[in-house]
Amino acid sequence: VTADIAAGEPFTASNVASLRPIGGAEPAQLPYVLGHP
């Protein structure tokens, strides 16, 4: 998470990114995450 996100706010390229290190979901999930609340 690259910016604070409120509950229900959509995930976007401005608030979620694929970055180092491991800790979150796999980078392959990013296209499917974007747009979801």
Full PDB file with SEQRES, HELIX, SHEET, SSBOND, CRYST1, ORIGX, SCALE, CONECT and MASTER records, all heavy atoms in Angstrom:
SEQRES   1 A   37  VAL THR ALA ASP ILE ALA ALA GLY GLU PRO PHE THR ALA          
SEQRES   2 A   37  SER ASN VAL ALA SER LEU ARG PRO ILE GLY GLY ALA GLU          
SEQRES   3 A   37  PRO ALA GLN LEU PRO TYR VAL LEU GLY HIS PRO                  
HELIX    1 AA1 PRO A   27  GLN A   29  5                                   3    
HELIX    2 AA2 LEU A   30  VAL A   33  1                                   4    
CRYST1    1.000    1.000    1.000  90.00  90.00  90.00 P 1           1          
ORIGX1      1.000000  0.000000  0.000000        0.00000                         
ORIGX2      0.000000  1.000000  0.000000        0.00000                         
ORIGX3      0.000000  0.000000  1.000000        0.00000                         
SCALE1      1.000000  0.000000  0.000000        0.00000                         
SCALE2      0.000000  1.000000  0.000000        0.00000                         
SCALE3      0.000000  0.000000  1.000000        0.00000                         
ATOM      1  N   VAL A   1       0.864  -1.183   0.000  1.00  0.00           N  
ATOM      2  CA  VAL A   1       0.000   0.000   0.000  1.00  0.00           C  
ATOM      3  C   VAL A   1       0.897   1.228   0.000  1.00  0.00           C  
ATOM      4  O   VAL A   1       1.760   1.398   0.861  1.00  0.00           O  
ATOM      5  CB  VAL A   1      -0.923   0.000   1.236  1.00  0.00           C  
ATOM      6  CG1 VAL A   1      -1.755   1.286   1.282  1.00  0.00           C  
ATOM      7  CG2 VAL A   1      -1.832  -1.227   1.217  1.00  0.00           C  
ATOM      8  N   THR A   2       0.702   2.107  -1.015  1.00  0.00           N  
ATOM      9  CA  THR A   2       1.581   3.280  -1.169  1.00  0.00           C  
ATOM     10  C   THR A   2       0.923   4.579  -0.715  1.00  0.00           C  
ATOM     11  O   THR A   2       1.591   5.619  -0.685  1.00  0.00           O  
ATOM     12  CB  THR A   2       2.005   3.416  -2.639  1.00  0.00           C  
ATOM     13  OG1 THR A   2       0.836   3.559  -3.455  1.00  0.00           O  
ATOM     14  CG2 THR A   2       2.807   2.185  -3.091  1.00  0.00           C  
ATOM     15  N   ALA A   3      -0.347   4.518  -0.358  1.00  0.00           N  
ATOM     16  CA  ALA A   3      -1.064   5.690   0.183  1.00  0.00           C  
ATOM     17  C   ALA A   3      -2.194   5.178   1.061  1.00  0.00           C  
ATOM     18  O   ALA A   3      -2.700   4.056   0.865  1.00  0.00           O  
ATOM     19  CB  ALA A   3      -1.617   6.566  -0.946  1.00  0.00           C  
ATOM     20  N   ASP A   4      -2.596   5.982   2.054  1.00  0.00           N  
ATOM     21  CA  ASP A   4      -3.706   5.559   2.921  1.00  0.00           C  
ATOM     22  C   ASP A   4      -4.937   5.284   2.085  1.00  0.00           C  
ATOM     23  O   ASP A   4      -5.255   6.008   1.126  1.00  0.00           O  
ATOM     24  CB  ASP A   4      -4.009   6.639   3.958  1.00  0.00           C  
ATOM     25  CG  ASP A   4      -2.899   6.804   4.992  1.00  0.00           C  
ATOM     26  OD1 ASP A   4      -2.011   5.915   5.047  1.00  0.00           O  
ATOM     27  OD2 ASP A   4      -2.918   7.810   5.723  1.00  0.00           O  
ATOM     28  N   ILE A   5      -5.666   4.204   2.449  1.00  0.00           N  
ATOM     29  CA  ILE A   5      -6.876   3.799   1.724  1.00  0.00           C  
ATOM     30  C   ILE A   5      -7.990   3.623   2.747  1.00  0.00           C  
ATOM     31  O   ILE A   5      -7.826   2.922   3.753  1.00  0.00           O  
ATOM     32  CB  ILE A   5      -6.676   2.469   0.965  1.00  0.00           C  
ATOM     33  CG1 ILE A   5      -5.468   2.554   0.014  1.00  0.00           C  
ATOM     34  CG2 ILE A   5      -7.937   2.082   0.181  1.00  0.00           C  
ATOM     35  CD1 ILE A   5      -5.092   1.223  -0.622  1.00  0.00           C  
ATOM     36  N   ALA A   6      -9.125   4.261   2.487  1.00  0.00           N  
ATOM     37  CA  ALA A   6     -10.293   4.095   3.365  1.00  0.00           C  
ATOM     38  C   ALA A   6     -11.041   2.836   2.975  1.00  0.00           C  
ATOM     39  O   ALA A   6     -10.974   2.373   1.824  1.00  0.00           O  
ATOM     40  CB  ALA A   6     -11.218   5.305   3.259  1.00  0.00           C  
ATOM     41  N   ALA A   7     -11.761   2.263   3.932  1.00  0.00           N  
ATOM     42  CA  ALA A   7     -12.594   1.085   3.626  1.00  0.00           C  
ATOM     43  C   ALA A   7     -13.573   1.433   2.525  1.00  0.00           C  
ATOM     44  O   ALA A   7     -14.222   2.483   2.549  1.00  0.00           O  
ATOM     45  CB  ALA A   7     -13.337   0.629   4.876  1.00  0.00           C  
ATOM     46  N   GLY A   8     -13.671   0.594   1.511  1.00  0.00           N  
ATOM     47  CA  GLY A   8     -14.574   0.804   0.390  1.00  0.00           C  
ATOM     48  C   GLY A   8     -13.957   1.599  -0.746  1.00  0.00           C  
ATOM     49  O   GLY A   8     -14.509   1.619  -1.849  1.00  0.00           O  
ATOM     50  N   GLU A   9     -12.852   2.265  -0.492  1.00  0.00           N  
ATOM     51  CA  GLU A   9     -12.167   3.015  -1.562  1.00  0.00           C  
ATOM     52  C   GLU A   9     -11.520   2.033  -2.526  1.00  0.00           C  
ATOM     53  O   GLU A   9     -10.952   1.025  -2.106  1.00  0.00           O  
ATOM     54  CB  GLU A   9     -11.105   3.924  -0.947  1.00  0.00           C  
ATOM     55  CG  GLU A   9     -10.380   4.806  -1.943  1.00  0.00           C  
ATOM     56  CD  GLU A   9      -9.304   5.665  -1.284  1.00  0.00           C  
ATOM     57  OE1 GLU A   9      -9.285   5.775  -0.044  1.00  0.00           O  
ATOM     58  OE2 GLU A   9      -8.460   6.216  -2.029  1.00  0.00           O  
ATOM     59  N   PRO A  10     -11.589   2.276  -3.816  1.00  0.00           N  
ATOM     60  CA  PRO A  10     -11.019   1.309  -4.764  1.00  0.00           C  
ATOM     61  C   PRO A  10      -9.496   1.299  -4.706  1.00  0.00           C  
ATOM     62  O   PRO A  10      -8.860   2.319  -4.468  1.00  0.00           O  
ATOM     63  CB  PRO A  10     -11.528   1.795  -6.116  1.00  0.00           C  
ATOM     64  CG  PRO A  10     -11.814   3.242  -5.944  1.00  0.00           C  
ATOM     65  CD  PRO A  10     -12.259   3.410  -4.507  1.00  0.00           C  
ATOM     66  N   PHE A  11      -8.959   0.114  -4.943  1.00  0.00           N  
ATOM     67  CA  PHE A  11      -7.521  -0.001  -5.127  1.00  0.00           C  
ATOM     68  C   PHE A  11      -7.168   0.562  -6.505  1.00  0.00           C  
ATOM     69  O   PHE A  11      -7.819   0.247  -7.507  1.00  0.00           O  
ATOM     70  CB  PHE A  11      -7.072  -1.466  -5.058  1.00  0.00           C  
ATOM     71  CG  PHE A  11      -7.259  -2.103  -3.706  1.00  0.00           C  
ATOM     72  CD1 PHE A  11      -8.084  -3.206  -3.545  1.00  0.00           C  
ATOM     73  CD2 PHE A  11      -6.584  -1.610  -2.600  1.00  0.00           C  
ATOM     74  CE1 PHE A  11      -8.233  -3.809  -2.312  1.00  0.00           C  
ATOM     75  CE2 PHE A  11      -6.728  -2.209  -1.355  1.00  0.00           C  
ATOM     76  CZ  PHE A  11      -7.560  -3.310  -1.209  1.00  0.00           C  
ATOM     77  N   THR A  12      -6.118   1.399  -6.555  1.00  0.00           N  
ATOM     78  CA  THR A  12      -5.691   2.008  -7.815  1.00  0.00           C  
ATOM     79  C   THR A  12      -4.179   1.960  -7.903  1.00  0.00           C  
ATOM     80  O   THR A  12      -3.474   1.645  -6.942  1.00  0.00           O  
ATOM     81  CB  THR A  12      -6.140   3.474  -7.904  1.00  0.00           C  
ATOM     82  OG1 THR A  12      -5.385   4.244  -6.952  1.00  0.00           O  
ATOM     83  CG2 THR A  12      -7.632   3.624  -7.634  1.00  0.00           C  
ATOM     84  N   ALA A  13      -3.691   2.345  -9.084  1.00  0.00           N  
ATOM     85  CA  ALA A  13      -2.238   2.411  -9.284  1.00  0.00           C  
ATOM     86  C   ALA A  13      -1.608   3.494  -8.428  1.00  0.00           C  
ATOM     87  O   ALA A  13      -0.384   3.511  -8.259  1.00  0.00           O  
ATOM     88  CB  ALA A  13      -1.926   2.656 -10.753  1.00  0.00           C  
ATOM     89  N   SER A  14      -2.421   4.358  -7.853  1.00  0.00           N  
ATOM     90  CA  SER A  14      -1.903   5.422  -6.993  1.00  0.00           C  
ATOM     91  C   SER A  14      -1.769   4.998  -5.542  1.00  0.00           C  
ATOM     92  O   SER A  14      -1.096   5.671  -4.764  1.00  0.00           O  
ATOM     93  CB  SER A  14      -2.803   6.659  -7.082  1.00  0.00           C  
ATOM     94  OG  SER A  14      -2.815   7.171  -8.397  1.00  0.00           O  
ATOM     95  N   ASN A  15      -2.451   3.913  -5.170  1.00  0.00           N  
ATOM     96  CA  ASN A  15      -2.375   3.517  -3.759  1.00  0.00           C  
ATOM     97  C   ASN A  15      -1.880   2.087  -3.538  1.00  0.00           C  
ATOM     98  O   ASN A  15      -1.715   1.661  -2.397  1.00  0.00           O  
ATOM     99  CB  ASN A  15      -3.708   3.736  -3.040  1.00  0.00           C  
ATOM    100  CG  ASN A  15      -4.865   2.991  -3.704  1.00  0.00           C  
ATOM    101  OD1 ASN A  15      -4.692   1.926  -4.275  1.00  0.00           O  
ATOM    102  ND2 ASN A  15      -6.080   3.574  -3.616  1.00  0.00           N  
ATOM    103  N   VAL A  16      -1.642   1.359  -4.611  1.00  0.00           N  
ATOM    104  CA  VAL A  16      -1.099  -0.009  -4.516  1.00  0.00           C  
ATOM    105  C   VAL A  16      -0.027  -0.174  -5.602  1.00  0.00           C  
ATOM    106  O   VAL A  16      -0.216   0.285  -6.734  1.00  0.00           O  
ATOM    107  CB  VAL A  16      -2.198  -1.077  -4.702  1.00  0.00           C  
ATOM    108  CG1 VAL A  16      -1.584  -2.474  -4.702  1.00  0.00           C  
ATOM    109  CG2 VAL A  16      -3.251  -0.975  -3.625  1.00  0.00           C  
ATOM    110  N   ALA A  17       1.086  -0.812  -5.249  1.00  0.00           N  
ATOM    111  CA  ALA A  17       2.157  -1.049  -6.228  1.00  0.00           C  
ATOM    112  C   ALA A  17       2.908  -2.332  -5.901  1.00  0.00           C  
ATOM    113  O   ALA A  17       2.889  -2.812  -4.763  1.00  0.00           O  
ATOM    114  CB  ALA A  17       3.126   0.134  -6.254  1.00  0.00           C  
ATOM    115  N   SER A  18       3.559  -2.866  -6.912  1.00  0.00           N  
ATOM    116  CA  SER A  18       4.454  -4.018  -6.739  1.00  0.00           C  
ATOM    117  C   SER A  18       5.836  -3.489  -6.414  1.00  0.00           C  
ATOM    118  O   SER A  18       6.472  -2.825  -7.234  1.00  0.00           O  
ATOM    119  CB  SER A  18       4.501  -4.857  -8.023  1.00  0.00           C  
ATOM    120  OG  SER A  18       5.514  -5.836  -7.947  1.00  0.00           O  
ATOM    121  N   LEU A  19       6.280  -3.772  -5.180  1.00  0.00           N  
ATOM    122  CA  LEU A  19       7.554  -3.257  -4.688  1.00  0.00           C  
ATOM    123  C   LEU A  19       8.280  -4.323  -3.887  1.00  0.00           C  
ATOM    124  O   LEU A  19       7.660  -5.301  -3.445  1.00  0.00           O  
ATOM    125  CB  LEU A  19       7.317  -2.020  -3.799  1.00  0.00           C  
ATOM    126  CG  LEU A  19       6.637  -0.813  -4.452  1.00  0.00           C  
ATOM    127  CD1 LEU A  19       6.218   0.186  -3.379  1.00  0.00           C  
ATOM    128  CD2 LEU A  19       7.577  -0.157  -5.457  1.00  0.00           C  
ATOM    129  N   ARG A  20       9.551  -4.123  -3.668  1.00  0.00           N  
ATOM    130  CA  ARG A  20      10.288  -4.970  -2.751  1.00  0.00           C  
ATOM    131  C   ARG A  20       9.994  -4.539  -1.323  1.00  0.00           C  
ATOM    132  O   ARG A  20       9.750  -3.360  -1.091  1.00  0.00           O  
ATOM    133  CB  ARG A  20      11.795  -4.862  -3.017  1.00  0.00           C  
ATOM    134  CG  ARG A  20      12.242  -5.363  -4.382  1.00  0.00           C  
ATOM    135  CD  ARG A  20      13.752  -5.251  -4.497  1.00  0.00           C  
ATOM    136  NE  ARG A  20      14.220  -5.638  -5.828  1.00  0.00           N  
ATOM    137  CZ  ARG A  20      15.507  -5.752  -6.153  1.00  0.00           C  
ATOM    138  NH1 ARG A  20      16.439  -5.505  -5.237  1.00  0.00           N  
ATOM    139  NH2 ARG A  20      15.865  -6.085  -7.364  1.00  0.00           N  
ATOM    140  N   PRO A  21      10.052  -5.426  -0.318  1.00  0.00           N  
ATOM    141  CA  PRO A  21      10.352  -6.868  -0.352  1.00  0.00           C  
ATOM    142  C   PRO A  21       9.065  -7.683  -0.367  1.00  0.00           C  
ATOM    143  O   PRO A  21       7.964  -7.162  -0.533  1.00  0.00           O  
ATOM    144  CB  PRO A  21      11.105  -7.053   0.957  1.00  0.00           C  
ATOM    145  CG  PRO A  21      10.401  -6.113   1.899  1.00  0.00           C  
ATOM    146  CD  PRO A  21      10.025  -4.918   1.063  1.00  0.00           C  
ATOM    147  N   ILE A  22       9.218  -9.001  -0.122  1.00  0.00           N  
ATOM    148  CA  ILE A  22       8.065  -9.867   0.046  1.00  0.00           C  
ATOM    149  C   ILE A  22       7.349  -9.489   1.343  1.00  0.00           C  
ATOM    150  O   ILE A  22       7.955  -9.046   2.305  1.00  0.00           O  
ATOM    151  CB  ILE A  22       8.516 -11.346   0.075  1.00  0.00           C  
ATOM    152  CG1 ILE A  22       8.700 -11.850  -1.366  1.00  0.00           C  
ATOM    153  CG2 ILE A  22       7.558 -12.242   0.833  1.00  0.00           C  
ATOM    154  CD1 ILE A  22       9.124 -13.276  -1.475  1.00  0.00           C  
ATOM    155  N   GLY A  23       6.061  -9.656   1.343  1.00  0.00           N  
ATOM    156  CA  GLY A  23       5.254  -9.357   2.534  1.00  0.00           C  
ATOM    157  C   GLY A  23       3.784  -9.355   2.186  1.00  0.00           C  
ATOM    158  O   GLY A  23       2.950  -9.822   2.951  1.00  0.00           O  
ATOM    159  N   GLY A  24       3.470  -8.834   1.012  1.00  0.00           N  
ATOM    160  CA  GLY A  24       2.084  -8.796   0.572  1.00  0.00           C  
ATOM    161  C   GLY A  24       1.780  -9.874  -0.442  1.00  0.00           C  
ATOM    162  O   GLY A  24       2.510 -10.853  -0.583  1.00  0.00           O  
ATOM    163  N   ALA A  25       0.684  -9.671  -1.167  1.00  0.00           N  
ATOM    164  CA  ALA A  25       0.264 -10.636  -2.186  1.00  0.00           C  
ATOM    165  C   ALA A  25       1.254 -10.637  -3.349  1.00  0.00           C  
ATOM    166  O   ALA A  25       2.033  -9.705  -3.540  1.00  0.00           O  
ATOM    167  CB  ALA A  25      -1.139 -10.285  -2.677  1.00  0.00           C  
ATOM    168  N   GLU A  26       1.214 -11.692  -4.143  1.00  0.00           N  
ATOM    169  CA  GLU A  26       2.096 -11.800  -5.291  1.00  0.00           C  
ATOM    170  C   GLU A  26       1.830 -10.688  -6.290  1.00  0.00           C  
ATOM    171  O   GLU A  26       0.686 -10.275  -6.494  1.00  0.00           O  
ATOM    172  CB  GLU A  26       1.908 -13.147  -5.991  1.00  0.00           C  
ATOM    173  CG  GLU A  26       2.483 -14.325  -5.232  1.00  0.00           C  
ATOM    174  CD  GLU A  26       2.393 -15.600  -6.063  1.00  0.00           C  
ATOM    175  OE1 GLU A  26       1.691 -15.602  -7.087  1.00  0.00           O  
ATOM    176  OE2 GLU A  26       3.030 -16.589  -5.679  1.00  0.00           O  
ATOM    177  N   PRO A  27       2.873 -10.202  -6.978  1.00  0.00           N  
ATOM    178  CA  PRO A  27       2.677  -9.170  -8.002  1.00  0.00           C  
ATOM    179  C   PRO A  27       1.684  -9.576  -9.090  1.00  0.00           C  
ATOM    180  O   PRO A  27       1.011  -8.716  -9.661  1.00  0.00           O  
ATOM    181  CB  PRO A  27       4.080  -8.983  -8.576  1.00  0.00           C  
ATOM    182  CG  PRO A  27       4.991  -9.371  -7.463  1.00  0.00           C  
ATOM    183  CD  PRO A  27       4.304 -10.494  -6.763  1.00  0.00           C  
ATOM    184  N   ALA A  28       1.574 -10.882  -9.354  1.00  0.00           N  
ATOM    185  CA  ALA A  28       0.643 -11.341 -10.386  1.00  0.00           C  
ATOM    186  C   ALA A  28      -0.802 -10.992 -10.070  1.00  0.00           C  
ATOM    187  O   ALA A  28      -1.665 -10.960 -10.958  1.00  0.00           O  
ATOM    188  CB  ALA A  28       0.785 -12.854 -10.572  1.00  0.00           C  
ATOM    189  N   GLN A  29      -1.093 -10.700  -8.793  1.00  0.00           N  
ATOM    190  CA  GLN A  29      -2.465 -10.372  -8.400  1.00  0.00           C  
ATOM    191  C   GLN A  29      -2.838  -8.923  -8.719  1.00  0.00           C  
ATOM    192  O   GLN A  29      -4.012  -8.566  -8.716  1.00  0.00           O  
ATOM    193  CB  GLN A  29      -2.634 -10.610  -6.891  1.00  0.00           C  
ATOM    194  CG  GLN A  29      -2.415 -12.040  -6.440  1.00  0.00           C  
ATOM    195  CD  GLN A  29      -3.543 -12.952  -6.874  1.00  0.00           C  
ATOM    196  OE1 GLN A  29      -4.684 -12.505  -7.038  1.00  0.00           O  
ATOM    197  NE2 GLN A  29      -3.237 -14.226  -7.071  1.00  0.00           N  
ATOM    198  N   LEU A  30      -1.827  -8.072  -9.005  1.00  0.00           N  
ATOM    199  CA  LEU A  30      -2.096  -6.640  -9.132  1.00  0.00           C  
ATOM    200  C   LEU A  30      -3.178  -6.295 -10.161  1.00  0.00           C  
ATOM    201  O   LEU A  30      -4.090  -5.510  -9.855  1.00  0.00           O  
ATOM    202  CB  LEU A  30      -0.793  -5.891  -9.448  1.00  0.00           C  
ATOM    203  CG  LEU A  30      -0.904  -4.368  -9.565  1.00  0.00           C  
ATOM    204  CD1 LEU A  30      -1.420  -3.777  -8.254  1.00  0.00           C  
ATOM    205  CD2 LEU A  30       0.436  -3.757  -9.933  1.00  0.00           C  
ATOM    206  N   PRO A  31      -3.159  -6.837 -11.381  1.00  0.00           N  
ATOM    207  CA  PRO A  31      -4.187  -6.444 -12.351  1.00  0.00           C  
ATOM    208  C   PRO A  31      -5.612  -6.777 -11.888  1.00  0.00           C  
ATOM    209  O   PRO A  31      -6.573  -6.120 -12.301  1.00  0.00           O  
ATOM    210  CB  PRO A  31      -3.818  -7.239 -13.603  1.00  0.00           C  
ATOM    211  CG  PRO A  31      -2.382  -7.582 -13.444  1.00  0.00           C  
ATOM    212  CD  PRO A  31      -2.179  -7.766 -11.974  1.00  0.00           C  
ATOM    213  N   TYR A  32      -5.720  -7.788 -11.026  1.00  0.00           N  
ATOM    214  CA  TYR A  32      -7.046  -8.217 -10.576  1.00  0.00           C  
ATOM    215  C   TYR A  32      -7.491  -7.470  -9.320  1.00  0.00           C  
ATOM    216  O   TYR A  32      -8.678  -7.405  -8.998  1.00  0.00           O  
ATOM    217  CB  TYR A  32      -7.033  -9.729 -10.332  1.00  0.00           C  
ATOM    218  CG  TYR A  32      -6.560 -10.480 -11.544  1.00  0.00           C  
ATOM    219  CD1 TYR A  32      -5.226 -10.875 -11.663  1.00  0.00           C  
ATOM    220  CD2 TYR A  32      -7.420 -10.759 -12.597  1.00  0.00           C  
ATOM    221  CE1 TYR A  32      -4.772 -11.536 -12.795  1.00  0.00           C  
ATOM    222  CE2 TYR A  32      -6.987 -11.418 -13.730  1.00  0.00           C  
ATOM    223  CZ  TYR A  32      -5.655 -11.808 -13.830  1.00  0.00           C  
ATOM    224  OH  TYR A  32      -5.225 -12.452 -14.956  1.00  0.00           O  
ATOM    225  N   VAL A  33      -6.521  -6.899  -8.617  1.00  0.00           N  
ATOM    226  CA  VAL A  33      -6.824  -6.117  -7.415  1.00  0.00           C  
ATOM    227  C   VAL A  33      -7.340  -4.732  -7.780  1.00  0.00           C  
ATOM    228  O   VAL A  33      -8.280  -4.201  -7.166  1.00  0.00           O  
ATOM    229  CB  VAL A  33      -5.565  -6.016  -6.530  1.00  0.00           C  
ATOM    230  CG1 VAL A  33      -5.745  -4.947  -5.443  1.00  0.00           C  
ATOM    231  CG2 VAL A  33      -5.248  -7.362  -5.891  1.00  0.00           C  
ATOM    232  N   LEU A  34      -6.694  -4.137  -8.798  1.00  0.00           N  
ATOM    233  CA  LEU A  34      -7.042  -2.760  -9.166  1.00  0.00           C  
ATOM    234  C   LEU A  34      -8.521  -2.643  -9.529  1.00  0.00           C  
ATOM    235  O   LEU A  34      -9.064  -3.454 -10.299  1.00  0.00           O  
ATOM    236  CB  LEU A  34      -6.173  -2.294 -10.330  1.00  0.00           C  
ATOM    237  CG  LEU A  34      -4.662  -2.221 -10.067  1.00  0.00           C  
ATOM    238  CD1 LEU A  34      -3.915  -1.762 -11.309  1.00  0.00           C  
ATOM    239  CD2 LEU A  34      -4.344  -1.326  -8.885  1.00  0.00           C  
ATOM    240  N   GLY A  35      -9.156  -1.639  -8.952  1.00  0.00           N  
ATOM    241  CA  GLY A  35     -10.574  -1.403  -9.206  1.00  0.00           C  
ATOM    242  C   GLY A  35     -11.492  -1.988  -8.161  1.00  0.00           C  
ATOM    243  O   GLY A  35     -12.657  -1.587  -8.047  1.00  0.00           O  
ATOM    244  N   HIS A  36     -11.015  -2.954  -7.376  1.00  0.00           N  
ATOM    245  CA  HIS A  36     -11.840  -3.541  -6.324  1.00  0.00           C  
ATOM    246  C   HIS A  36     -11.880  -2.602  -5.111  1.00  0.00           C  
ATOM    247  O   HIS A  36     -10.895  -1.932  -4.799  1.00  0.00           O  
ATOM    248  CB  HIS A  36     -11.280  -4.900  -5.892  1.00  0.00           C  
ATOM    249  CG  HIS A  36     -11.636  -6.004  -6.826  1.00  0.00           C  
ATOM    250  ND1 HIS A  36     -12.767  -6.763  -6.686  1.00  0.00           N  
ATOM    251  CD2 HIS A  36     -10.998  -6.466  -7.940  1.00  0.00           C  
ATOM    252  CE1 HIS A  36     -12.803  -7.660  -7.649  1.00  0.00           C  
ATOM    253  NE2 HIS A  36     -11.750  -7.492  -8.429  1.00  0.00           N  
ATOM    254  N   PRO A  37     -13.003  -2.598  -4.389  1.00  0.00           N  
ATOM    255  CA  PRO A  37     -13.078  -1.774  -3.179  1.00  0.00           C  
ATOM    256  C   PRO A  37     -12.272  -2.418  -2.049  1.00  0.00           C  
ATOM    257  O   PRO A  37     -12.259  -3.643  -1.896  1.00  0.00           O  
ATOM    258  CB  PRO A  37     -14.560  -1.736  -2.857  1.00  0.00           C  
ATOM    259  CG  PRO A  37     -15.119  -2.974  -3.477  1.00  0.00           C  
ATOM    260  CD  PRO A  37     -14.294  -3.230  -4.709  1.00  0.00           C  
TER     261      PRO A  37                                                      
MASTER        0    0    0    2    0    0    0    6  260    1    0    3          
END                                                                             
